[in-house]
Amino acid sequence: MSDQTKKPVYINRENFTDKIKSYLRHPGSMILMFLVMFATFITFALLLFLIFYILINGIPYIKPSLFSLHYTSDNASVIPALINTVVMTLLSLLIAVPFGIFSAIFLVEYAGKGNKFIEVIRLTTETLSGIPSIVYGLFGMLFFVNTLKWGFSVLAGAFTLSIMILPLIMRQTEEALKAVPDSYREGSFGLGAGKLRTVFRIVLPSAVPGILAGVILAIGRIVGETAALIYTAGTVAQVPKNVLGSGRTLAIHMYMLSSEGLYMNQAYATAVILLVLVVAINTLSGVVAKKLTKA
């Protein structure tokens, strides 16, 4: 490799000026550049506004009484809701992730191209991903709560959420598996490895970052979901004794506090805790993804 190919390219003032001149020679490019920069600025501005608005209105009302072990009408504790959120997230992922990953492996690695049945599966998956959450909630209430006699429970809510996030995990895993170069598969086959060994020892580890991205998006949907859980998990402000007990998550807790109109300050404080929880989960998932990629 020559020295010219190794030489890094630095963006200095002359390069920047040349880019501006090229944009000026092509007005369409200049307009597109400004549109992209404007859209980027608006996106970051809205994100920062929402974060600072939540922090400014919520941090002053984060008090020790908010972290009591038991909820009362005086302290409006978030600890039961926080525990229920973690349990609901883990249980939903435990149900949805294996089904989503294995289904994507079948679609990418084993199903033949041009299969009509596979096209039906993909169409069904895309349809499920576009259904409003309230419809999932009504289905969960009719099937899990009433038909299976689970009642308003964490288990009914977890199964309902697992159906909601299953299309997301499937599609993200499918795209991650497709992004793995075919040379990895061919090299494994050339060394004598079988199909199953190639998929689980070569292809799947290479697709882990993309799969974890889908899992992170699914976690965000679980943590922020309210409509589906109100009809399945219930709104009881306590930690259930088992998975067949009712309990509210942080999002439902925040919704109930704000809807009553008497605990708006505690609702803002709950929003801050929910924001911190989402950031912590995303950070932890990123660290795990890096560890698995290095391994």
Protein backbone atom coordinates (compact mmCIF):
# COMPACT_ATOMS: atom_id res chain seq x y z
CA MET A 1 0.00 0.00 0.00
CA SER A 2 1.45 3.38 -1.00
CA ASP A 3 1.93 6.35 1.31
CA GLN A 4 -0.74 8.30 -0.55
CA THR A 5 -3.44 5.80 0.37
CA LYS A 6 -2.35 5.88 4.02
CA LYS A 7 -2.32 9.66 4.23
CA PRO A 8 -5.36 10.93 6.17
CA VAL A 9 -7.53 13.66 4.71
CA TYR A 10 -7.93 16.72 6.93
CA ILE A 11 -10.76 19.23 6.58
CA ASN A 12 -8.95 22.57 6.62
CA ARG A 13 -10.09 26.05 5.64
CA GLU A 14 -9.12 25.60 1.99
CA ASN A 15 -11.09 22.37 1.65
CA PHE A 16 -14.09 23.98 3.31
CA THR A 17 -13.88 26.98 0.97
CA ASP A 18 -13.69 24.68 -2.06
CA LYS A 19 -16.80 22.87 -0.87
CA ILE A 20 -18.68 26.16 -0.46
CA LYS A 21 -17.66 27.23 -3.98
CA SER A 22 -18.84 23.93 -5.43
CA TYR A 23 -22.19 24.39 -3.69
CA LEU A 24 -22.47 27.92 -5.06
CA ARG A 25 -21.91 26.62 -8.60
CA HIS A 26 -24.82 24.21 -8.09
CA PRO A 27 -27.78 26.00 -6.43
CA GLY A 28 -29.69 22.75 -6.02
CA SER A 29 -26.89 21.27 -3.95
CA MET A 30 -26.81 24.41 -1.80
CA ILE A 31 -30.56 24.16 -1.14
CA LEU A 32 -30.31 20.48 -0.22
CA MET A 33 -27.37 21.19 2.07
CA PHE A 34 -29.33 23.87 3.94
CA LEU A 35 -32.39 21.61 4.18
CA VAL A 36 -30.31 18.80 5.67
CA MET A 37 -28.60 21.15 8.13
CA PHE A 38 -31.93 22.74 9.07
CA ALA A 39 -33.58 19.35 9.66
CA THR A 40 -30.60 18.24 11.78
CA PHE A 41 -30.72 21.44 13.83
CA ILE A 42 -34.48 21.16 14.42
CA THR A 43 -34.16 17.51 15.48
CA PHE A 44 -31.41 18.19 18.02
CA ALA A 45 -33.14 21.34 19.23
CA LEU A 46 -36.40 19.46 19.91
CA LEU A 47 -34.54 16.65 21.64
CA LEU A 48 -32.62 19.04 23.88
CA PHE A 49 -35.78 21.05 24.61
CA LEU A 50 -37.67 17.96 25.72
CA ILE A 51 -34.81 16.74 27.90
CA PHE A 52 -34.23 20.10 29.59
CA TYR A 53 -37.97 20.69 30.00
CA ILE A 54 -38.36 17.38 31.81
CA LEU A 55 -35.26 17.92 33.94
CA ILE A 56 -36.13 21.50 34.93
CA ASN A 57 -39.70 20.60 35.90
CA GLY A 58 -38.89 17.26 37.53
CA ILE A 59 -35.58 17.48 39.38
CA PRO A 60 -36.80 19.96 42.07
CA TYR A 61 -39.50 17.47 43.13
CA ILE A 62 -37.29 14.40 43.45
CA LYS A 63 -37.43 13.86 47.20
CA PRO A 64 -36.59 10.92 49.50
CA SER A 65 -40.30 10.22 50.03
CA LEU A 66 -40.56 9.49 46.31
CA PHE A 67 -38.37 6.42 46.84
CA SER A 68 -40.33 4.78 49.64
CA LEU A 69 -40.76 1.05 49.41
CA HIS A 70 -44.55 1.28 49.49
CA TYR A 71 -46.85 3.61 47.56
CA THR A 72 -49.25 5.85 49.45
CA SER A 73 -51.36 8.84 48.45
CA ASP A 74 -48.92 11.04 50.39
CA ASN A 75 -45.55 9.99 48.97
CA ALA A 76 -46.58 8.80 45.43
CA SER A 77 -43.55 6.47 45.52
CA VAL A 78 -42.07 5.30 42.23
CA ILE A 79 -40.22 2.27 43.63
CA PRO A 80 -43.05 -0.26 43.03
CA ALA A 81 -43.51 1.08 39.49
CA LEU A 82 -39.75 0.97 38.88
CA ILE A 83 -39.53 -2.65 40.00
CA ASN A 84 -42.55 -3.56 37.87
CA THR A 85 -40.96 -1.85 34.86
CA VAL A 86 -37.77 -3.87 35.18
CA VAL A 87 -39.71 -7.12 35.66
CA MET A 88 -42.01 -6.35 32.74
CA THR A 89 -39.07 -5.55 30.48
CA LEU A 90 -37.12 -8.69 31.34
CA LEU A 91 -40.15 -10.96 31.05
CA SER A 92 -41.22 -9.49 27.70
CA LEU A 93 -37.72 -9.80 26.26
CA LEU A 94 -37.43 -13.35 27.59
CA ILE A 95 -40.52 -14.27 25.58
CA ALA A 96 -39.99 -12.20 22.41
CA VAL A 97 -36.22 -12.28 21.78
CA PRO A 98 -35.80 -16.05 21.22
CA PHE A 99 -38.81 -16.22 18.92
CA GLY A 100 -37.73 -13.10 17.02
CA ILE A 101 -34.12 -14.20 16.51
CA PHE A 102 -34.94 -17.79 15.55
CA SER A 103 -37.66 -16.63 13.14
CA ALA A 104 -35.23 -14.24 11.47
CA ILE A 105 -32.61 -16.99 11.19
CA PHE A 106 -35.15 -19.20 9.42
CA LEU A 107 -36.17 -16.41 7.03
CA VAL A 108 -32.59 -15.49 6.10
CA GLU A 109 -30.59 -18.70 6.35
CA TYR A 110 -33.00 -21.55 5.67
CA ALA A 111 -35.97 -20.28 3.66
CA GLY A 112 -35.56 -20.35 -0.08
CA LYS A 113 -35.64 -17.16 -2.10
CA GLY A 114 -38.91 -16.37 -3.83
CA ASN A 115 -40.93 -18.50 -1.42
CA LYS A 116 -44.54 -17.28 -1.30
CA PHE A 117 -44.95 -18.42 2.28
CA ILE A 118 -41.99 -16.25 3.32
CA GLU A 119 -43.53 -13.25 1.58
CA VAL A 120 -46.71 -13.81 3.56
CA ILE A 121 -44.69 -13.94 6.81
CA ARG A 122 -42.92 -10.66 5.98
CA LEU A 123 -46.22 -8.99 5.06
CA THR A 124 -47.76 -10.18 8.31
CA THR A 125 -44.77 -8.92 10.28
CA GLU A 126 -44.95 -5.47 8.70
CA THR A 127 -48.70 -5.37 9.34
CA LEU A 128 -48.24 -6.26 13.01
CA SER A 129 -45.63 -3.53 13.43
CA GLY A 130 -48.14 -0.91 12.26
CA ILE A 131 -51.03 -1.87 14.55
CA PRO A 132 -51.78 0.74 17.27
CA SER A 133 -50.91 -0.27 20.81
CA ILE A 134 -54.50 0.16 21.99
CA VAL A 135 -55.52 -2.69 19.66
CA TYR A 136 -52.86 -4.91 21.23
CA GLY A 137 -54.24 -3.93 24.62
CA LEU A 138 -57.78 -4.90 23.69
CA PHE A 139 -56.55 -8.21 22.23
CA GLY A 140 -54.55 -8.92 25.39
CA MET A 141 -57.56 -8.16 27.56
CA LEU A 142 -59.87 -10.41 25.54
CA PHE A 143 -57.41 -13.31 25.17
CA PHE A 144 -54.95 -13.31 28.07
CA VAL A 145 -57.08 -11.61 30.72
CA ASN A 146 -60.54 -13.03 29.97
CA THR A 147 -60.12 -16.19 27.86
CA LEU A 148 -57.06 -17.63 29.63
CA LYS A 149 -58.33 -16.32 33.00
CA TRP A 150 -55.01 -14.67 33.89
CA GLY A 151 -56.75 -11.51 35.03
CA PHE A 152 -55.00 -8.16 35.15
CA SER A 153 -51.47 -9.42 35.69
CA VAL A 154 -47.83 -8.85 34.85
CA LEU A 155 -47.85 -12.06 32.84
CA ALA A 156 -50.73 -10.88 30.64
CA GLY A 157 -48.97 -7.56 30.08
CA ALA A 158 -45.65 -9.24 29.28
CA PHE A 159 -47.21 -11.55 26.67
CA THR A 160 -49.05 -8.63 25.10
CA LEU A 161 -45.86 -6.56 24.91
CA SER A 162 -43.91 -9.51 23.52
CA ILE A 163 -46.35 -9.70 20.61
CA MET A 164 -45.91 -5.95 20.07
CA ILE A 165 -42.12 -6.01 19.95
CA LEU A 166 -41.79 -9.33 18.09
CA PRO A 167 -42.03 -7.75 14.58
CA LEU A 168 -39.43 -5.15 15.52
CA ILE A 169 -36.93 -7.73 16.74
CA MET A 170 -37.59 -9.98 13.75
CA ARG A 171 -37.04 -7.25 11.16
CA GLN A 172 -33.95 -5.83 12.88
CA THR A 173 -32.41 -9.28 13.28
CA GLU A 174 -33.20 -10.12 9.67
CA GLU A 175 -31.45 -6.99 8.42
CA ALA A 176 -28.47 -7.65 10.70
CA LEU A 177 -28.11 -11.20 9.34
CA LYS A 178 -28.36 -9.98 5.75
CA ALA A 179 -25.57 -7.48 6.45
CA VAL A 180 -23.12 -10.29 7.29
CA PRO A 181 -20.96 -10.88 4.18
CA ASP A 182 -21.51 -14.13 2.31
CA SER A 183 -17.75 -14.68 2.38
CA TYR A 184 -18.07 -15.51 6.11
CA ARG A 185 -20.51 -18.31 5.30
CA GLU A 186 -18.46 -19.56 2.35
CA GLY A 187 -15.27 -19.59 4.39
CA SER A 188 -16.98 -21.57 7.16
CA PHE A 189 -18.39 -24.06 4.67
CA GLY A 190 -14.98 -24.35 3.04
CA LEU A 191 -13.44 -25.35 6.38
CA GLY A 192 -15.97 -28.15 6.73
CA ALA A 193 -18.44 -26.57 9.13
CA GLY A 194 -22.10 -27.47 8.78
CA LYS A 195 -25.04 -25.12 8.27
CA LEU A 196 -26.08 -25.00 11.92
CA ARG A 197 -22.54 -24.45 13.18
CA THR A 198 -21.95 -21.72 10.62
CA VAL A 199 -25.11 -19.88 11.60
CA PHE A 200 -24.56 -19.98 15.36
CA ARG A 201 -20.75 -19.69 15.49
CA ILE A 202 -20.02 -17.37 12.56
CA VAL A 203 -23.08 -15.50 11.29
CA LEU A 204 -24.99 -14.83 14.50
CA PRO A 205 -22.02 -13.42 16.49
CA SER A 206 -21.22 -11.08 13.59
CA ALA A 207 -24.81 -9.81 13.65
CA VAL A 208 -24.92 -9.19 17.42
CA PRO A 209 -24.57 -5.35 17.23
CA GLY A 210 -27.51 -5.10 14.83
CA ILE A 211 -29.60 -7.50 16.91
CA LEU A 212 -28.89 -5.55 20.08
CA ALA A 213 -29.98 -2.37 18.30
CA GLY A 214 -33.37 -3.98 17.76
CA VAL A 215 -33.49 -5.12 21.37
CA ILE A 216 -32.72 -1.58 22.55
CA LEU A 217 -35.56 -0.20 20.42
CA ALA A 218 -37.85 -2.89 21.84
CA ILE A 219 -36.86 -1.93 25.39
CA GLY A 220 -37.72 1.69 24.65
CA ARG A 221 -41.17 0.66 23.45
CA ILE A 222 -41.74 -1.55 26.50
CA VAL A 223 -40.69 1.12 28.99
CA GLY A 224 -42.82 3.82 27.38
CA GLU A 225 -45.95 1.74 26.76
CA THR A 226 -49.18 2.63 28.57
CA ALA A 227 -52.30 1.82 26.51
CA ALA A 228 -51.61 -1.90 26.13
CA LEU A 229 -50.67 -2.35 29.78
CA ILE A 230 -53.65 -0.53 31.25
CA TYR A 231 -55.93 -3.19 29.75
CA THR A 232 -53.71 -6.16 30.64
CA ALA A 233 -51.37 -5.47 33.59
CA GLY A 234 -53.66 -3.07 35.42
CA THR A 235 -52.85 0.06 37.42
CA VAL A 236 -52.30 -1.24 40.96
CA ALA A 237 -49.50 0.75 42.61
CA GLN A 238 -47.71 -2.14 44.27
CA VAL A 239 -45.21 -4.89 43.55
CA PRO A 240 -47.18 -8.08 42.85
CA LYS A 241 -46.31 -11.23 44.77
CA ASN A 242 -46.09 -13.24 41.53
CA VAL A 243 -46.49 -12.80 37.79
CA LEU A 244 -50.25 -13.29 38.07
CA GLY A 245 -50.56 -10.18 40.22
CA SER A 246 -51.40 -6.72 38.92
CA GLY A 247 -48.95 -3.83 38.88
CA ARG A 248 -48.22 -0.57 37.08
CA THR A 249 -45.05 0.41 35.27
CA LEU A 250 -43.36 3.82 35.38
CA ALA A 251 -45.16 5.05 32.26
CA ILE A 252 -48.56 4.07 33.67
CA HIS A 253 -47.59 5.54 37.03
CA MET A 254 -46.76 8.85 35.39
CA TYR A 255 -50.00 8.75 33.38
CA MET A 256 -52.12 8.03 36.46
CA LEU A 257 -50.49 10.81 38.47
CA SER A 258 -50.98 13.38 35.71
CA SER A 259 -54.55 12.26 34.93
CA GLU A 260 -55.61 12.73 38.54
CA GLY A 261 -54.37 16.32 38.41
CA LEU A 262 -53.21 16.27 42.04
CA TYR A 263 -49.67 14.98 41.56
CA MET A 264 -48.30 16.91 38.59
CA ASN A 265 -45.01 17.62 40.37
CA GLN A 266 -44.55 13.92 41.15
CA ALA A 267 -45.44 13.11 37.53
CA TYR A 268 -42.59 15.32 36.30
CA ALA A 269 -40.24 13.68 38.80
CA THR A 270 -41.33 10.26 37.52
CA ALA A 271 -40.57 11.43 33.97
CA VAL A 272 -37.01 12.26 35.05
CA ILE A 273 -36.56 8.81 36.59
CA LEU A 274 -37.99 7.21 33.44
CA LEU A 275 -35.56 9.20 31.30
CA VAL A 276 -32.60 8.16 33.45
CA LEU A 277 -33.73 4.53 33.29
CA VAL A 278 -33.91 4.55 29.48
CA VAL A 279 -30.46 6.15 29.21
CA ALA A 280 -29.00 3.63 31.66
CA ILE A 281 -30.49 0.67 29.76
CA ASN A 282 -29.22 2.00 26.43
CA THR A 283 -25.74 2.59 27.87
CA LEU A 284 -25.62 -0.88 29.38
CA SER A 285 -26.76 -2.43 26.11
CA GLY A 286 -24.04 -0.54 24.23
CA VAL A 287 -21.38 -1.80 26.63
CA VAL A 288 -22.64 -5.37 26.26
CA ALA A 289 -22.63 -5.02 22.47
CA LYS A 290 -19.00 -3.87 22.50
CA LYS A 291 -17.98 -6.73 24.79
CA LEU A 292 -19.69 -9.30 22.60
CA THR A 293 -18.21 -7.80 19.43
CA LYS A 294 -14.68 -7.94 20.84
CA ALA A 295 -15.24 -11.50 22.00
